[in-house]
Amino acid sequence: MEDRWLTVDDICKYLNVSNDTVYKWIEQKNMPAQKVGRRWMFKKDEVDEWIKAGGAADETSK
């Protein structure tokens, strides 16, 4: 069950961020996500790797 796809709501709860933040990351920071119909879906492991690689880093804090 650990390998299941996560919805936007799931990933928001997991990362403790808002929906707007997730959509901004998809559009502007290439957050790993797949469009399934009209919904964005995520693999937890891919998102974890993206964050570890600095994908969610705020450029203003550099």
N, C-alpha and C. Protein backbone atom coordinates (compact mmCIF):
# COMPACT_ATOMS: atom_id res chain seq x y z
N MET A 1 0.83 -1.21 0.00
CA MET A 1 0.00 0.00 0.00
C MET A 1 0.86 1.26 0.00
N GLU A 2 2.10 1.15 0.42
CA GLU A 2 3.01 2.30 0.48
C GLU A 2 3.27 2.91 -0.88
N ASP A 3 3.11 2.11 -1.94
CA ASP A 3 3.43 2.58 -3.29
C ASP A 3 2.24 3.20 -4.00
N ARG A 4 1.17 3.51 -3.27
CA ARG A 4 -0.03 4.04 -3.91
C ARG A 4 0.19 5.48 -4.37
N TRP A 5 -0.63 5.91 -5.31
CA TRP A 5 -0.59 7.29 -5.79
C TRP A 5 -1.29 8.20 -4.79
N LEU A 6 -0.75 9.39 -4.59
CA LEU A 6 -1.32 10.37 -3.66
C LEU A 6 -2.00 11.48 -4.45
N THR A 7 -3.11 11.99 -3.92
CA THR A 7 -3.81 13.13 -4.52
C THR A 7 -3.16 14.44 -4.05
N VAL A 8 -3.63 15.55 -4.59
CA VAL A 8 -3.14 16.86 -4.13
C VAL A 8 -3.42 17.02 -2.64
N ASP A 9 -4.62 16.66 -2.20
CA ASP A 9 -4.93 16.77 -0.77
C ASP A 9 -4.01 15.92 0.09
N ASP A 10 -3.73 14.70 -0.37
CA ASP A 10 -2.82 13.82 0.36
C ASP A 10 -1.43 14.42 0.47
N ILE A 11 -0.92 14.92 -0.65
CA ILE A 11 0.45 15.46 -0.65
C ILE A 11 0.53 16.75 0.17
N CYS A 12 -0.54 17.53 0.17
CA CYS A 12 -0.58 18.74 1.00
C CYS A 12 -0.49 18.39 2.48
N LYS A 13 -1.24 17.38 2.89
CA LYS A 13 -1.20 16.94 4.29
C LYS A 13 0.17 16.37 4.63
N TYR A 14 0.73 15.59 3.72
CA TYR A 14 2.03 14.96 3.95
C TYR A 14 3.13 16.01 4.11
N LEU A 15 3.09 17.06 3.27
CA LEU A 15 4.14 18.09 3.30
C LEU A 15 3.78 19.29 4.18
N ASN A 16 2.54 19.32 4.67
CA ASN A 16 2.06 20.44 5.49
C ASN A 16 2.16 21.78 4.75
N VAL A 17 1.67 21.77 3.50
CA VAL A 17 1.63 22.99 2.68
C VAL A 17 0.23 23.13 2.09
N SER A 18 -0.05 24.28 1.49
CA SER A 18 -1.37 24.53 0.91
C SER A 18 -1.46 23.99 -0.52
N ASN A 19 -2.70 23.88 -1.01
CA ASN A 19 -2.93 23.48 -2.40
C ASN A 19 -2.24 24.44 -3.36
N ASP A 20 -2.33 25.74 -3.07
CA ASP A 20 -1.71 26.75 -3.93
C ASP A 20 -0.20 26.51 -4.05
N THR A 21 0.43 26.16 -2.96
CA THR A 21 1.87 25.89 -2.98
C THR A 21 2.18 24.70 -3.87
N VAL A 22 1.42 23.63 -3.76
CA VAL A 22 1.65 22.44 -4.58
C VAL A 22 1.48 22.77 -6.06
N TYR A 23 0.41 23.48 -6.41
CA TYR A 23 0.20 23.84 -7.82
C TYR A 23 1.31 24.75 -8.34
N LYS A 24 1.81 25.65 -7.49
CA LYS A 24 2.92 26.53 -7.88
C LYS A 24 4.18 25.71 -8.11
N TRP A 25 4.45 24.75 -7.23
CA TRP A 25 5.63 23.89 -7.39
C TRP A 25 5.55 23.06 -8.67
N ILE A 26 4.36 22.56 -8.99
CA ILE A 26 4.20 21.79 -10.23
C ILE A 26 4.54 22.67 -11.43
N GLU A 27 3.99 23.87 -11.45
CA GLU A 27 4.14 24.77 -12.59
C GLU A 27 5.53 25.39 -12.67
N GLN A 28 6.07 25.85 -11.55
CA GLN A 28 7.29 26.64 -11.58
C GLN A 28 8.55 25.88 -11.20
N LYS A 29 8.42 24.78 -10.47
CA LYS A 29 9.61 24.10 -9.95
C LYS A 29 9.70 22.64 -10.37
N ASN A 30 8.86 22.24 -11.33
CA ASN A 30 8.91 20.87 -11.86
C ASN A 30 8.75 19.79 -10.80
N MET A 31 7.84 20.02 -9.89
CA MET A 31 7.53 18.99 -8.89
C MET A 31 7.07 17.73 -9.62
N PRO A 32 7.58 16.55 -9.25
CA PRO A 32 7.19 15.33 -9.95
C PRO A 32 5.72 14.99 -9.70
N ALA A 33 4.93 15.05 -10.75
CA ALA A 33 3.50 14.77 -10.67
C ALA A 33 3.03 14.26 -12.03
N GLN A 34 1.94 13.52 -12.01
CA GLN A 34 1.34 13.00 -13.23
C GLN A 34 -0.11 13.45 -13.28
N LYS A 35 -0.52 13.90 -14.45
CA LYS A 35 -1.92 14.28 -14.64
C LYS A 35 -2.69 13.02 -15.01
N VAL A 36 -3.71 12.70 -14.23
CA VAL A 36 -4.57 11.55 -14.48
C VAL A 36 -5.98 12.11 -14.64
N GLY A 37 -6.42 12.20 -15.89
CA GLY A 37 -7.68 12.89 -16.15
C GLY A 37 -7.49 14.36 -15.83
N ARG A 38 -8.29 14.88 -14.92
CA ARG A 38 -8.17 16.28 -14.51
C ARG A 38 -7.44 16.44 -13.18
N ARG A 39 -6.95 15.32 -12.62
CA ARG A 39 -6.33 15.36 -11.30
C ARG A 39 -4.83 15.17 -11.39
N TRP A 40 -4.10 15.85 -10.50
CA TRP A 40 -2.66 15.62 -10.36
C TRP A 40 -2.47 14.52 -9.33
N MET A 41 -1.55 13.59 -9.63
CA MET A 41 -1.25 12.49 -8.73
C MET A 41 0.25 12.44 -8.50
N PHE A 42 0.65 11.92 -7.33
CA PHE A 42 2.04 11.96 -6.91
C PHE A 42 2.47 10.62 -6.35
N LYS A 43 3.74 10.28 -6.55
CA LYS A 43 4.38 9.15 -5.88
C LYS A 43 5.20 9.74 -4.74
N LYS A 44 4.96 9.26 -3.53
CA LYS A 44 5.62 9.80 -2.34
C LYS A 44 7.15 9.74 -2.47
N ASP A 45 7.68 8.63 -2.95
CA ASP A 45 9.14 8.49 -3.07
C ASP A 45 9.73 9.53 -4.03
N GLU A 46 9.03 9.80 -5.14
CA GLU A 46 9.52 10.79 -6.11
C GLU A 46 9.51 12.19 -5.50
N VAL A 47 8.46 12.50 -4.76
CA VAL A 47 8.36 13.82 -4.11
C VAL A 47 9.45 13.96 -3.04
N ASP A 48 9.68 12.89 -2.27
CA ASP A 48 10.73 12.92 -1.25
C ASP A 48 12.10 13.20 -1.88
N GLU A 49 12.41 12.54 -2.98
CA GLU A 49 13.69 12.74 -3.67
C GLU A 49 13.79 14.16 -4.22
N TRP A 50 12.71 14.68 -4.77
CA TRP A 50 12.68 16.04 -5.32
C TRP A 50 12.96 17.06 -4.22
N ILE A 51 12.38 16.85 -3.04
CA ILE A 51 12.61 17.76 -1.92
C ILE A 51 14.06 17.66 -1.44
N LYS A 52 14.57 16.43 -1.31
CA LYS A 52 15.96 16.25 -0.87
C LYS A 52 16.95 16.89 -1.82
N ALA A 53 16.61 16.91 -3.10
CA ALA A 53 17.48 17.51 -4.12
C ALA A 53 17.37 19.03 -4.16
N GLY A 54 16.50 19.60 -3.30
CA GLY A 54 16.37 21.05 -3.25
C GLY A 54 15.28 21.61 -4.14
N GLY A 55 14.42 20.77 -4.67
CA GLY A 55 13.38 21.22 -5.58
C GLY A 55 12.38 22.20 -4.96
N ALA A 56 12.15 22.09 -3.68
CA ALA A 56 11.19 22.96 -3.01
C ALA A 56 11.85 24.15 -2.34
N ALA A 57 13.17 24.29 -2.52
CA ALA A 57 13.90 25.37 -1.86
C ALA A 57 13.42 26.73 -2.34
N ASP A 58 13.37 27.67 -1.43
CA ASP A 58 12.96 29.04 -1.74
C ASP A 58 14.21 29.80 -2.21
N GLU A 59 14.16 30.31 -3.45
CA GLU A 59 15.33 31.01 -4.01
C GLU A 59 15.71 32.25 -3.20
N THR A 60 14.75 32.89 -2.54
CA THR A 60 15.06 34.11 -1.78
C THR A 60 15.91 33.82 -0.56
N SER A 61 15.91 32.56 -0.11
CA SER A 61 16.69 32.25 1.10
C SER A 61 18.11 31.82 0.76
N LYS A 62 18.46 31.76 -0.51
CA LYS A 62 19.81 31.35 -0.91
C LYS A 62 20.78 32.49 -0.83
